[in-house]
C-alpha atoms as a PDB file:
ATOM      1  CA  MET A   1       7.319 -18.174  -8.377  1.00  0.00           C
ATOM      2  CA  SER A   2       9.543 -15.258  -7.405  1.00  0.00           C
ATOM      3  CA  LEU A   3       8.316 -11.914  -6.083  1.00  0.00           C
ATOM      4  CA  TYR A   4       9.387 -10.384  -9.406  1.00  0.00           C
ATOM      5  CA  ASP A   5       7.271 -12.919 -11.324  1.00  0.00           C
ATOM      6  CA  ASP A   6       4.314 -12.285  -9.025  1.00  0.00           C
ATOM      7  CA  ALA A   7       4.651  -8.515  -9.514  1.00  0.00           C
ATOM      8  CA  VAL A   8       4.597  -8.907 -13.294  1.00  0.00           C
ATOM      9  CA  LEU A   9       1.594 -11.249 -13.105  1.00  0.00           C
ATOM     10  CA  VAL A  10      -0.321  -8.947 -10.736  1.00  0.00           C
ATOM     11  CA  LEU A  11       0.375  -5.882 -12.846  1.00  0.00           C
ATOM     12  CA  LYS A  12      -0.555  -7.617 -16.108  1.00  0.00           C
ATOM     13  CA  GLY A  13      -3.871  -8.542 -14.501  1.00  0.00           C
ATOM     14  CA  TYR A  14      -4.550  -5.042 -13.172  1.00  0.00           C
ATOM     15  CA  GLU A  15      -6.973  -3.400 -15.587  1.00  0.00           C
ATOM     16  CA  ASP A  16      -7.182   0.156 -14.225  1.00  0.00           C
ATOM     17  CA  GLN A  17      -4.674   2.966 -14.774  1.00  0.00           C
ATOM     18  CA  PRO A  18      -3.255   1.384 -17.973  1.00  0.00           C
ATOM     19  CA  GLU A  19      -0.554   4.022 -18.575  1.00  0.00           C
ATOM     20  CA  LEU A  20       0.798   3.754 -15.050  1.00  0.00           C
ATOM     21  CA  ARG A  21       0.491  -0.048 -15.073  1.00  0.00           C
ATOM     22  CA  ASP A  22       2.513  -0.165 -18.306  1.00  0.00           C
ATOM     23  CA  LEU A  23       5.140   2.159 -16.802  1.00  0.00           C
ATOM     24  CA  TYR A  24       5.489  -0.274 -13.855  1.00  0.00           C
ATOM     25  CA  LEU A  25       5.809  -3.228 -16.227  1.00  0.00           C
ATOM     26  CA  ASP A  26       8.400  -1.380 -18.358  1.00  0.00           C
ATOM     27  CA  HIS A  27      10.329  -0.577 -15.179  1.00  0.00           C
ATOM     28  CA  LEU A  28      10.384  -4.241 -14.170  1.00  0.00           C
ATOM     29  CA  THR A  29      11.476  -5.292 -17.666  1.00  0.00           C
ATOM     30  CA  ALA A  30      14.386  -2.839 -17.503  1.00  0.00           C
ATOM     31  CA  HIS A  31      15.229  -3.599 -13.853  1.00  0.00           C
ATOM     32  CA  PRO A  32      14.994  -7.244 -12.750  1.00  0.00           C
ATOM     33  CA  ASP A  33      15.854  -5.996  -9.230  1.00  0.00           C
ATOM     34  CA  GLY A  34      13.040  -3.412  -9.396  1.00  0.00           C
ATOM     35  CA  VAL A  35      10.985  -4.990  -6.632  1.00  0.00           C
ATOM     36  CA  TYR A  36      13.593  -4.200  -3.976  1.00  0.00           C
ATOM     37  CA  LYS A  37      14.848  -1.024  -2.305  1.00  0.00           C
ATOM     38  CA  PRO A  38      18.440  -1.210  -3.638  1.00  0.00           C
ATOM     39  CA  CYS A  39      17.175  -0.529  -7.189  1.00  0.00           C
ATOM     40  CA  GLN A  40      18.117   3.145  -7.439  1.00  0.00           C
ATOM     41  CA  ALA A  41      16.032   3.757 -10.557  1.00  0.00           C
ATOM     42  CA  GLY A  42      12.993   3.151  -8.350  1.00  0.00           C
ATOM     43  CA  HIS A  43      11.319   0.146  -6.844  1.00  0.00           C
ATOM     44  CA  ILE A  44       7.978  -1.486  -6.274  1.00  0.00           C
ATOM     45  CA  THR A  45       6.435  -0.995  -2.837  1.00  0.00           C
ATOM     46  CA  GLY A  46       3.351  -2.564  -1.307  1.00  0.00           C
ATOM     47  CA  SER A  47       0.806  -0.723   0.771  1.00  0.00           C
ATOM     48  CA  ALA A  48      -2.560  -1.415   2.311  1.00  0.00           C
ATOM     49  CA  LEU A  49      -5.400   0.796   3.418  1.00  0.00           C
ATOM     50  CA  VAL A  50      -6.773  -0.659   6.656  1.00  0.00           C
ATOM     51  CA  ILE A  51     -10.571  -0.375   6.844  1.00  0.00           C
ATOM     52  CA  ASP A  52     -12.542  -0.915  10.038  1.00  0.00           C
ATOM     53  CA  PRO A  53     -14.954  -3.887  10.215  1.00  0.00           C
ATOM     54  CA  GLU A  54     -17.991  -1.595  10.016  1.00  0.00           C
ATOM     55  CA  ARG A  55     -16.522  -0.067   6.829  1.00  0.00           C
ATOM     56  CA  GLU A  56     -16.892   3.468   8.152  1.00  0.00           C
ATOM     57  CA  ARG A  57     -13.285   4.468   8.887  1.00  0.00           C
ATOM     58  CA  VAL A  58      -9.710   3.947   7.755  1.00  0.00           C
ATOM     59  CA  LEU A  59      -6.584   3.612   9.863  1.00  0.00           C
ATOM     60  CA  LEU A  60      -3.814   6.021   8.903  1.00  0.00           C
ATOM     61  CA  THR A  61      -0.300   6.357  10.240  1.00  0.00           C
ATOM     62  CA  LEU A  62       1.492   9.651  10.799  1.00  0.00           C
ATOM     63  CA  HIS A  63       4.728   8.715   9.054  1.00  0.00           C
ATOM     64  CA  LYS A  64       7.777   9.486  11.200  1.00  0.00           C
ATOM     65  CA  LYS A  65      10.085  10.612   8.374  1.00  0.00           C
ATOM     66  CA  LEU A  66       7.534  12.333   6.155  1.00  0.00           C
ATOM     67  CA  GLY A  67       5.224  13.841   8.783  1.00  0.00           C
ATOM     68  CA  MET A  68       2.212  12.897   6.643  1.00  0.00           C
ATOM     69  CA  TRP A  69      -0.888  10.785   7.295  1.00  0.00           C
ATOM     70  CA  LEU A  70      -0.574   7.738   5.026  1.00  0.00           C
ATOM     71  CA  GLN A  71      -1.837   4.208   4.572  1.00  0.00           C
ATOM     72  CA  MET A  72       0.365   1.401   5.892  1.00  0.00           C
ATOM     73  CA  GLY A  73       3.067   0.334   3.484  1.00  0.00           C
ATOM     74  CA  GLY A  74       6.672   0.031   2.538  1.00  0.00           C
ATOM     75  CA  HIS A  75       9.409  -1.905   0.836  1.00  0.00           C
ATOM     76  CA  CYS A  76       9.232  -5.463  -0.352  1.00  0.00           C
ATOM     77  CA  GLU A  77      11.524  -7.829   1.519  1.00  0.00           C
ATOM     78  CA  PRO A  78      13.255 -11.019   0.356  1.00  0.00           C
ATOM     79  CA  GLY A  79      10.854 -13.151   2.417  1.00  0.00           C
ATOM     80  CA  ASP A  80       7.789 -11.749   0.640  1.00  0.00           C
ATOM     81  CA  ALA A  81       6.428 -14.284  -1.832  1.00  0.00           C
ATOM     82  CA  THR A  82       3.845 -11.927  -3.348  1.00  0.00           C
ATOM     83  CA  LEU A  83       3.016  -8.228  -3.548  1.00  0.00           C
ATOM     84  CA  ALA A  84      -0.177  -8.895  -1.616  1.00  0.00           C
ATOM     85  CA  GLU A  85       1.863 -10.606   1.103  1.00  0.00           C
ATOM     86  CA  ALA A  86       4.236  -7.626   1.275  1.00  0.00           C
ATOM     87  CA  ALA A  87       1.329  -5.178   1.606  1.00  0.00           C
ATOM     88  CA  LEU A  88      -0.342  -7.323   4.269  1.00  0.00           C
ATOM     89  CA  ARG A  89       2.940  -7.704   6.196  1.00  0.00           C
ATOM     90  CA  GLU A  90       3.397  -3.920   6.164  1.00  0.00           C
ATOM     91  CA  ALA A  91      -0.191  -3.445   7.354  1.00  0.00           C
ATOM     92  CA  VAL A  92       0.395  -5.803  10.282  1.00  0.00           C
ATOM     93  CA  GLU A  93       3.756  -4.219  11.204  1.00  0.00           C
ATOM     94  CA  GLU A  94       2.586  -0.620  11.012  1.00  0.00           C
ATOM     95  CA  SER A  95      -0.924  -1.010  12.409  1.00  0.00           C
ATOM     96  CA  GLY A  96       0.042  -3.263  15.294  1.00  0.00           C
ATOM     97  CA  ILE A  97      -3.004  -5.419  14.491  1.00  0.00           C
ATOM     98  CA  ALA A  98      -1.258  -8.763  14.841  1.00  0.00           C
ATOM     99  CA  SER A  99      -3.947 -11.031  13.423  1.00  0.00           C
ATOM    100  CA  GLY A 100      -7.147 -10.993  11.472  1.00  0.00           C
ATOM    101  CA  LEU A 101      -6.372  -8.452   8.753  1.00  0.00           C
ATOM    102  CA  THR A 102      -7.800  -9.770   5.493  1.00  0.00           C
ATOM    103  CA  LEU A 103      -7.190  -8.561   1.971  1.00  0.00           C
ATOM    104  CA  VAL A 104     -10.174  -7.220   0.092  1.00  0.00           C
ATOM    105  CA  PRO A 105     -10.594  -9.609  -2.865  1.00  0.00           C
ATOM    106  CA  GLY A 106      -9.712  -8.586  -6.405  1.00  0.00           C
ATOM    107  CA  GLY A 107      -6.036  -7.648  -6.123  1.00  0.00           C
ATOM    108  CA  PRO A 108      -4.667  -4.119  -5.967  1.00  0.00           C
ATOM    109  CA  VAL A 109      -7.178  -1.273  -5.782  1.00  0.00           C
ATOM    110  CA  ARG A 110      -4.812   1.388  -7.084  1.00  0.00           C
ATOM    111  CA  LEU A 111      -1.271   2.253  -8.225  1.00  0.00           C
ATOM    112  CA  ASP A 112       0.586   5.358  -7.107  1.00  0.00           C
ATOM    113  CA  ARG A 113       4.000   6.491  -8.362  1.00  0.00           C
ATOM    114  CA  HIS A 114       5.712   9.158  -6.272  1.00  0.00           C
ATOM    115  CA  PRO A 115       9.217  10.613  -6.092  1.00  0.00           C
ATOM    116  CA  ILE A 116      11.485   9.821  -3.166  1.00  0.00           C
ATOM    117  CA  PRO A 117      14.811  11.319  -2.054  1.00  0.00           C
ATOM    118  CA  ALA A 118      18.132  10.175  -3.512  1.00  0.00           C
ATOM    119  CA  PRO A 119      19.777   7.772  -3.966  1.00  0.00           C
ATOM    120  CA  CYS A 120      16.537   6.219  -5.196  1.00  0.00           C
ATOM    121  CA  ASN A 121      14.169   8.038  -7.488  1.00  0.00           C
ATOM    122  CA  TRP A 122      10.689   6.532  -7.321  1.00  0.00           C
ATOM    123  CA  HIS A 123       8.323   4.410  -5.310  1.00  0.00           C
ATOM    124  CA  LEU A 124       6.033   2.469  -7.592  1.00  0.00           C
ATOM    125  CA  ASP A 125       3.391   1.637  -5.017  1.00  0.00           C
ATOM    126  CA  VAL A 126       0.939  -1.211  -5.501  1.00  0.00           C
ATOM    127  CA  GLN A 127      -1.954  -0.427  -3.174  1.00  0.00           C
ATOM    128  CA  TYR A 128      -4.325  -2.942  -1.604  1.00  0.00           C
ATOM    129  CA  ALA A 129      -7.192  -2.649   0.856  1.00  0.00           C
ATOM    130  CA  VAL A 130      -7.567  -4.796   3.968  1.00  0.00           C
ATOM    131  CA  LEU A 131     -10.380  -5.236   6.439  1.00  0.00           C
ATOM    132  CA  ALA A 132      -9.615  -5.181  10.156  1.00  0.00           C
ATOM    133  CA  PRO A 133     -11.277  -7.765  12.374  1.00  0.00           C
ATOM    134  CA  ALA A 134     -13.939  -6.842  14.920  1.00  0.00           C
ATOM    135  CA  GLY A 135     -12.348  -5.535  18.100  1.00  0.00           C
ATOM    136  CA  ALA A 136      -9.017  -4.783  16.423  1.00  0.00           C
ATOM    137  CA  VAL A 137      -6.701  -2.701  18.565  1.00  0.00           C
ATOM    138  CA  ALA A 138      -4.087  -0.676  16.705  1.00  0.00           C
ATOM    139  CA  GLU A 139      -0.676   0.032  18.227  1.00  0.00           C
ATOM    140  CA  ILE A 140       1.810   2.660  17.084  1.00  0.00           C
ATOM    141  CA  SER A 141       4.972   1.212  15.533  1.00  0.00           C
ATOM    142  CA  GLU A 142       8.444   2.711  15.686  1.00  0.00           C
ATOM    143  CA  GLU A 143       7.953   3.965  12.110  1.00  0.00           C
ATOM    144  CA  SER A 144       5.039   6.144  13.156  1.00  0.00           C
ATOM    145  CA  LEU A 145       4.431   9.265  15.200  1.00  0.00           C
ATOM    146  CA  ASP A 146       0.731   8.490  15.585  1.00  0.00           C
ATOM    147  CA  LEU A 147      -1.929   6.081  14.417  1.00  0.00           C
ATOM    148  CA  ARG A 148      -5.582   7.037  14.144  1.00  0.00           C
ATOM    149  CA  TRP A 149      -8.922   5.922  12.718  1.00  0.00           C
ATOM    150  CA  PHE A 150     -10.467   8.533  10.415  1.00  0.00           C
ATOM    151  CA  PRO A 151     -14.041   8.557   9.083  1.00  0.00           C
ATOM    152  CA  TYR A 152     -13.963   8.593   5.270  1.00  0.00           C
ATOM    153  CA  ALA A 153     -15.219  12.183   5.162  1.00  0.00           C
ATOM    154  CA  GLU A 154     -12.243  13.416   7.233  1.00  0.00           C
ATOM    155  CA  VAL A 155      -9.453  11.866   5.161  1.00  0.00           C
ATOM    156  CA  ALA A 156      -9.237  14.747   2.678  1.00  0.00           C
ATOM    157  CA  ALA A 157      -8.623  17.182   5.548  1.00  0.00           C
ATOM    158  CA  VAL A 158      -5.584  15.302   6.870  1.00  0.00           C
ATOM    159  CA  ALA A 159      -4.057  13.387   3.948  1.00  0.00           C
ATOM    160  CA  ASP A 160      -2.844  14.160   0.438  1.00  0.00           C
ATOM    161  CA  THR A 161      -4.717  13.359  -2.750  1.00  0.00           C
ATOM    162  CA  SER A 162      -3.013   9.971  -3.187  1.00  0.00           C
ATOM    163  CA  VAL A 163      -4.572   8.735   0.061  1.00  0.00           C
ATOM    164  CA  VAL A 164      -7.947  10.266  -0.830  1.00  0.00           C
ATOM    165  CA  ARG A 165      -7.862   8.467  -4.196  1.00  0.00           C
ATOM    166  CA  LEU A 166      -6.920   5.222  -2.471  1.00  0.00           C
ATOM    167  CA  VAL A 167      -9.897   5.552  -0.115  1.00  0.00           C
ATOM    168  CA  GLU A 168     -12.180   6.220  -3.105  1.00  0.00           C
ATOM    169  CA  ALA A 169     -10.824   3.184  -4.960  1.00  0.00           C
ATOM    170  CA  ALA A 170     -11.174   0.959  -1.894  1.00  0.00           C
ATOM    171  CA  LEU A 171     -14.769   2.086  -1.345  1.00  0.00           C
ATOM    172  CA  ALA A 172     -15.558   1.436  -4.993  1.00  0.00           C
ATOM    173  CA  ARG A 173     -14.104  -2.065  -4.650  1.00  0.00           C
ATOM    174  CA  LEU A 174     -16.224  -2.659  -1.567  1.00  0.00           C
ATOM    175  CA  GLY A 175     -19.281  -1.450  -3.440  1.00  0.00           C
ATOM    176  CA  GLY A 176     -19.782   1.600  -1.232  1.00  0.00           C
END
């Protein structure tokens, strides 16, 4: 199964945000290359909110280009077999936590569509949640200015509403 096929399957199975989900599916129907960065009409991205093992904090990265606190994430690459794999790969790369990150079961926790600078137009982000292993040590990547654990209650003070909504969706998935 190709990454494109996986994206369609994942999105068809995602039951929340039906209007946005359908927009993603329409985009993929119109753009068979819509899972990769070269698609200038917009492209699917994969991200992951890293949650500490005690489920009290999230790890956010201060994005180098945007200067914003965000979850880990980015573009799908040709070696990614699935959207979940792309999101997990990005989480590993950007968090510096080399092993032990595990996806929260149930597929994506949220979708977020946001504009990006030309030549592309949109990121159609498929957002997952991952749990960090006990004793995980995060390391700043070259894509980041900083990396920090934030208690849930502090996220709204440092991040935009898309990250706050992602935290809320992840907590709901975890039953908290």
